Amino acid sequence: MLPMKPETSFVVGIGPTPDFCLRVSIASLVRVLFKTSHENEWWLALERKVTLVEKENSVTVEVNAQPFGGAVNILALQELHNRIGGFRFDSERSRAEADFRLFIQPSQWPTLQAFLIENLNRPTDIILETSPDRELVEEFEDAVDIALAPNQYISKPISIVLEENPSPTENNRARGHPTVRVYRIYETIITDVTLAEMISTGSHQFSDKDLSTLAIQRSRNGGQGRANGILALPLEELVAFYTGLPFQDRISTVLFQGHRLSETVAAVLEGIATPKHRKL
């Protein structure tokens, strides 16, 4: 179910203009950890996303693993406008879902950054969503067809990560537009042993190739050409892998145990610094 669109006394426009040309994206990233009943090792659960990409009259399949999470919702558009001034949504969908994916004037960024750090650090906030639960539940449903219940996990906020230097977004809603990003990092521990076993089984049940085939089949059947799955990776080995990478390579998509990992994986790992992310 989509969140209700906050009421306003004004209409928020869509798309960039010569003045509103800096895109700001705020998202939650969740470090989902679990242990199985027969191991004392921590595992990191990631979402595998398969997408068909059309390029120059050809179609390629991209399989990327990334932390669970997604766009932070705006709970009070009028209050946000009162605090930071004018803005525009990056797409009709972002406006409909009240996602914080906005175009602002570049001069607004320092003020907005300070506002975001203050408000995202609050346990609850009247303007911004400050819990990972909504996205986590939705994505577990997509990835492993599990209706995640509140008594199966515990979550806590860890840090805020900033990408302060604008870089072109690959998001289809605003592809190519210079974007700065703010990530609210959470840690979620799966406390339900049965659920932990299901995650482990789901990770091994389907290969990247299986998920790619599923996405292609869905596209041929008139769907969007997407598929989702879950991937469990040994946390200690993963941290050691990133530690051993040259510093400048930690901001790229990397291969680990045959899987493509998004650059945001490094952002949720404790003790891993990157040239792109400033952790607060």
Protein backbone atom coordinates (compact mmCIF):
# COMPACT_ATOMS: atom_id res chain seq x y z
CA MET A 1 0.00 0.00 0.00
CA LEU A 2 1.34 3.41 -0.95
CA PRO A 3 1.61 6.07 1.77
CA MET A 4 -0.98 8.82 1.72
CA LYS A 5 0.18 11.93 -0.05
CA PRO A 6 0.58 14.77 2.46
CA GLU A 7 -1.84 17.63 2.02
CA THR A 8 -0.54 21.06 1.00
CA SER A 9 -1.94 24.46 0.19
CA PHE A 10 0.22 24.59 -2.93
CA VAL A 11 1.07 22.42 -5.90
CA VAL A 12 4.58 20.97 -6.02
CA GLY A 13 5.93 20.87 -9.57
CA ILE A 14 7.71 18.02 -11.29
CA GLY A 15 11.07 17.93 -13.01
CA PRO A 16 14.11 20.23 -13.09
CA THR A 17 14.17 23.86 -14.15
CA PRO A 18 17.13 26.17 -14.73
CA ASP A 19 16.81 27.26 -11.07
CA PHE A 20 15.80 23.96 -9.47
CA CYS A 21 18.51 21.77 -10.96
CA LEU A 22 20.18 19.91 -8.08
CA ARG A 23 18.55 16.59 -7.26
CA VAL A 24 18.53 15.43 -3.63
CA SER A 25 17.74 11.83 -2.76
CA ILE A 26 17.22 10.59 0.80
CA ALA A 27 17.05 6.86 1.44
CA SER A 28 17.26 4.35 4.26
CA LEU A 29 19.88 1.61 4.00
CA VAL A 30 19.53 -1.38 6.30
CA ARG A 31 22.31 -3.67 7.47
CA VAL A 32 20.25 -6.85 7.91
CA LEU A 33 22.15 -9.41 10.00
CA PHE A 34 21.27 -12.92 11.08
CA LYS A 35 22.69 -16.18 12.41
CA THR A 36 21.40 -19.64 11.59
CA SER A 37 20.72 -22.27 14.26
CA HIS A 38 23.76 -24.37 13.28
CA GLU A 39 26.31 -21.55 12.88
CA ASN A 40 27.73 -18.85 15.12
CA GLU A 41 28.64 -16.66 12.16
CA TRP A 42 26.95 -13.40 11.27
CA TRP A 43 25.52 -13.16 7.77
CA LEU A 44 24.53 -10.03 5.87
CA ALA A 45 21.27 -10.24 3.91
CA LEU A 46 21.09 -8.19 0.72
CA GLU A 47 18.37 -7.70 -1.84
CA ARG A 48 19.12 -9.04 -5.31
CA LYS A 49 17.52 -6.89 -8.00
CA VAL A 50 17.33 -8.01 -11.62
CA THR A 51 16.56 -5.46 -14.29
CA LEU A 52 16.38 -5.60 -18.09
CA VAL A 53 18.16 -2.60 -19.55
CA GLU A 54 17.66 -1.49 -23.14
CA LYS A 55 20.74 0.04 -24.74
CA GLU A 56 21.25 0.81 -28.41
CA ASN A 57 18.66 -1.68 -29.72
CA SER A 58 19.89 -4.44 -27.41
CA VAL A 59 18.71 -5.74 -24.06
CA THR A 60 21.04 -6.68 -21.24
CA VAL A 61 20.26 -8.18 -17.85
CA GLU A 62 21.74 -6.56 -14.76
CA VAL A 63 21.82 -8.41 -11.44
CA ASN A 64 22.92 -6.31 -8.48
CA ALA A 65 22.86 -7.00 -4.76
CA GLN A 66 22.24 -4.01 -2.51
CA PRO A 67 21.23 -3.27 1.07
CA PHE A 68 17.57 -3.37 1.91
CA GLY A 69 15.93 0.03 2.16
CA GLY A 70 14.51 2.71 -0.06
CA ALA A 71 13.32 6.27 -0.39
CA VAL A 72 12.44 8.18 2.76
CA ASN A 73 8.89 9.49 2.77
CA ILE A 74 7.99 13.13 3.36
CA LEU A 75 5.28 13.19 6.02
CA ALA A 76 4.48 16.91 5.93
CA LEU A 77 5.11 18.71 2.64
CA GLN A 78 3.85 22.05 3.95
CA GLU A 79 6.21 21.92 6.94
CA LEU A 80 9.12 20.96 4.69
CA HIS A 81 8.34 23.90 2.41
CA ASN A 82 8.19 26.22 5.41
CA ARG A 83 11.60 25.05 6.57
CA ILE A 84 13.61 24.87 3.34
CA GLY A 85 11.68 26.88 0.74
CA GLY A 86 10.65 25.82 -2.75
CA PHE A 87 11.37 22.44 -4.36
CA ARG A 88 10.12 20.17 -7.12
CA PHE A 89 9.68 16.39 -7.26
CA ASP A 90 11.84 14.46 -9.71
CA SER A 91 8.87 12.53 -11.16
CA GLU A 92 5.14 11.99 -10.97
CA ARG A 93 5.71 8.76 -9.06
CA SER A 94 7.85 10.46 -6.44
CA ARG A 95 5.14 13.07 -5.95
CA ALA A 96 2.43 10.42 -5.71
CA GLU A 97 4.41 8.44 -3.12
CA ALA A 98 5.79 11.52 -1.32
CA ASP A 99 9.36 10.26 -1.74
CA PHE A 100 12.18 12.63 -0.85
CA ARG A 101 13.56 12.75 -4.36
CA LEU A 102 13.52 16.45 -5.06
CA PHE A 103 15.03 19.12 -7.24
CA ILE A 104 16.23 22.15 -5.28
CA GLN A 105 18.22 25.27 -5.99
CA PRO A 106 21.94 24.49 -5.49
CA SER A 107 22.23 27.38 -3.03
CA GLN A 108 19.72 25.60 -0.76
CA TRP A 109 21.92 22.53 -0.27
CA PRO A 110 23.96 23.65 2.81
CA THR A 111 20.81 24.67 4.69
CA LEU A 112 18.95 21.54 3.61
CA GLN A 113 21.86 19.31 4.62
CA ALA A 114 21.88 20.71 8.16
CA PHE A 115 18.10 20.31 8.37
CA LEU A 116 18.26 16.68 7.22
CA ILE A 117 20.99 15.72 9.68
CA GLU A 118 19.02 17.23 12.57
CA ASN A 119 15.67 15.70 11.65
CA LEU A 120 16.86 12.25 10.60
CA ASN A 121 18.67 11.88 13.92
CA ARG A 122 15.38 12.18 15.82
CA PRO A 123 13.66 8.98 17.02
CA THR A 124 10.48 10.30 15.42
CA ASP A 125 9.92 13.35 13.26
CA ILE A 126 6.80 15.09 11.98
CA ILE A 127 8.36 15.94 8.60
CA LEU A 128 10.49 12.94 7.62
CA GLU A 129 10.09 9.20 7.99
CA THR A 130 12.65 7.97 10.53
CA SER A 131 12.02 4.22 10.57
CA PRO A 132 13.16 1.53 8.10
CA ASP A 133 10.14 -0.68 8.79
CA ARG A 134 7.93 0.24 5.82
CA GLU A 135 10.57 -0.35 3.16
CA LEU A 136 11.96 -3.40 4.95
CA VAL A 137 8.55 -5.10 5.04
CA GLU A 138 7.83 -4.28 1.39
CA GLU A 139 11.20 -5.52 0.15
CA PHE A 140 11.14 -8.75 2.16
CA GLU A 141 7.78 -9.45 0.54
CA ASP A 142 9.30 -8.88 -2.90
CA ALA A 143 12.57 -10.71 -2.28
CA VAL A 144 11.52 -13.85 -0.40
CA ASP A 145 7.72 -13.65 -0.30
CA ILE A 146 7.81 -13.27 3.49
CA ALA A 147 5.42 -11.07 5.45
CA LEU A 148 7.93 -9.69 7.94
CA ALA A 149 6.40 -9.25 11.41
CA PRO A 150 7.55 -6.80 14.12
CA ASN A 151 8.37 -9.63 16.54
CA GLN A 152 10.85 -11.19 14.09
CA TYR A 153 13.49 -8.46 14.17
CA ILE A 154 14.89 -5.49 16.06
CA SER A 155 16.24 -2.35 14.44
CA LYS A 156 18.31 0.59 15.55
CA PRO A 157 19.75 3.66 13.80
CA ILE A 158 23.51 3.54 13.21
CA SER A 159 24.67 6.60 11.31
CA ILE A 160 24.03 9.07 8.53
CA VAL A 161 26.06 8.86 5.33
CA LEU A 162 26.42 11.79 2.95
CA GLU A 163 27.33 11.90 -0.72
CA GLU A 164 28.01 15.61 -0.98
CA ASN A 165 29.54 15.78 -4.44
CA PRO A 166 26.81 15.63 -7.11
CA SER A 167 26.98 12.71 -9.51
CA PRO A 168 24.57 11.66 -12.29
CA THR A 169 21.78 9.42 -11.08
CA GLU A 170 20.98 6.12 -12.79
CA ASN A 171 17.43 6.18 -11.45
CA ASN A 172 15.06 5.90 -14.39
CA ARG A 173 12.88 8.67 -13.01
CA ALA A 174 15.61 11.29 -13.48
CA ARG A 175 18.48 9.53 -15.21
CA GLY A 176 21.60 11.62 -15.66
CA HIS A 177 20.69 14.54 -13.37
CA PRO A 178 23.34 15.65 -10.86
CA THR A 179 22.36 14.24 -7.47
CA VAL A 180 23.51 14.52 -3.88
CA ARG A 181 22.45 11.74 -1.51
CA VAL A 182 21.75 11.27 2.16
CA TYR A 183 21.49 7.76 3.60
CA ARG A 184 20.07 6.93 7.01
CA ILE A 185 21.82 3.72 8.04
CA TYR A 186 20.03 1.20 10.26
CA GLU A 187 21.03 -2.17 11.65
CA THR A 188 18.37 -4.86 11.78
CA ILE A 189 18.96 -8.12 13.63
CA ILE A 190 16.74 -11.04 12.64
CA THR A 191 15.72 -12.58 15.97
CA ASP A 192 13.42 -15.29 14.60
CA VAL A 193 15.52 -18.42 14.00
CA THR A 194 12.99 -19.85 11.55
CA LEU A 195 13.09 -16.67 9.51
CA ALA A 196 16.90 -16.73 9.54
CA GLU A 197 16.80 -20.27 8.12
CA MET A 198 14.35 -19.13 5.42
CA ILE A 199 16.69 -16.30 4.42
CA SER A 200 19.63 -18.70 4.19
CA THR A 201 17.59 -21.18 2.13
CA GLY A 202 16.25 -18.44 -0.12
CA SER A 203 19.76 -17.22 -0.84
CA HIS A 204 20.80 -20.65 -2.14
CA GLN A 205 17.50 -21.53 -3.82
CA PHE A 206 17.92 -19.27 -6.84
CA SER A 207 21.11 -18.32 -8.67
CA ASP A 208 21.63 -14.99 -10.42
CA LYS A 209 21.04 -16.87 -13.68
CA ASP A 210 17.71 -18.22 -12.41
CA LEU A 211 16.54 -14.74 -11.48
CA SER A 212 17.70 -13.36 -14.85
CA THR A 213 15.68 -16.02 -16.66
CA LEU A 214 12.64 -15.12 -14.57
CA ALA A 215 12.98 -11.43 -15.41
CA ILE A 216 13.23 -12.22 -19.13
CA GLN A 217 10.16 -14.45 -18.96
CA ARG A 218 8.18 -11.73 -17.21
CA SER A 219 9.19 -9.23 -19.86
CA ARG A 220 8.07 -11.56 -22.65
CA ASN A 221 4.76 -12.01 -20.86
CA GLY A 222 4.17 -8.27 -20.86
CA GLY A 223 5.63 -7.46 -17.45
CA GLN A 224 8.33 -4.97 -16.48
CA GLY A 225 11.21 -7.41 -16.84
CA ARG A 226 12.23 -7.42 -13.21
CA ALA A 227 12.84 -10.01 -10.51
CA ASN A 228 13.88 -9.89 -6.88
CA GLY A 229 15.68 -12.31 -4.62
CA ILE A 230 17.75 -12.39 -1.47
CA LEU A 231 21.47 -12.95 -1.01
CA ALA A 232 23.22 -13.95 2.21
CA LEU A 233 26.95 -13.27 2.52
CA PRO A 234 29.35 -14.03 5.40
CA LEU A 235 29.84 -10.69 7.14
CA GLU A 236 33.41 -11.20 8.37
CA GLU A 237 34.65 -12.29 4.94
CA LEU A 238 32.83 -9.41 3.27
CA VAL A 239 34.38 -6.81 5.57
CA ALA A 240 37.83 -8.35 4.99
CA PHE A 241 37.25 -8.18 1.23
CA TYR A 242 36.40 -4.48 1.29
CA THR A 243 39.29 -3.76 3.66
CA GLY A 244 41.64 -5.32 1.13
CA LEU A 245 40.37 -3.24 -1.78
CA PRO A 246 42.29 -0.12 -2.81
CA PHE A 247 40.56 2.88 -1.23
CA GLN A 248 39.48 4.36 -4.57
CA ASP A 249 37.87 1.08 -5.71
CA ARG A 250 35.38 0.96 -2.85
CA ILE A 251 32.93 3.26 -4.64
CA SER A 252 32.45 0.97 -7.62
CA THR A 253 30.27 -2.05 -8.23
CA VAL A 254 32.43 -4.99 -7.16
CA LEU A 255 32.36 -8.78 -7.56
CA PHE A 256 32.31 -10.88 -4.40
CA GLN A 257 31.87 -14.65 -4.58
CA GLY A 258 30.54 -14.23 -8.11
CA HIS A 259 27.92 -11.62 -7.19
CA ARG A 260 27.80 -7.97 -8.26
CA LEU A 261 27.53 -5.75 -5.19
CA SER A 262 26.26 -2.19 -5.34
CA GLU A 263 28.51 0.61 -4.11
CA THR A 264 26.03 1.18 -1.27
CA VAL A 265 27.05 -2.12 0.33
CA ALA A 266 30.26 -0.44 1.55
CA ALA A 267 28.15 2.32 3.12
CA VAL A 268 26.45 -0.07 5.57
CA LEU A 269 29.57 -1.97 6.64
CA GLU A 270 31.12 -0.97 9.93
CA GLY A 271 34.68 0.33 9.68
CA ILE A 272 34.77 0.66 5.88
CA ALA A 273 35.59 4.14 4.61
CA THR A 274 35.16 5.18 0.97
CA PRO A 275 36.12 8.26 -1.07
CA LYS A 276 32.47 8.94 -1.83
CA HIS A 277 30.76 8.59 1.53
CA ARG A 278 31.10 10.77 4.62
CA LYS A 279 29.82 8.92 7.66
CA LEU A 280 28.48 10.96 10.56
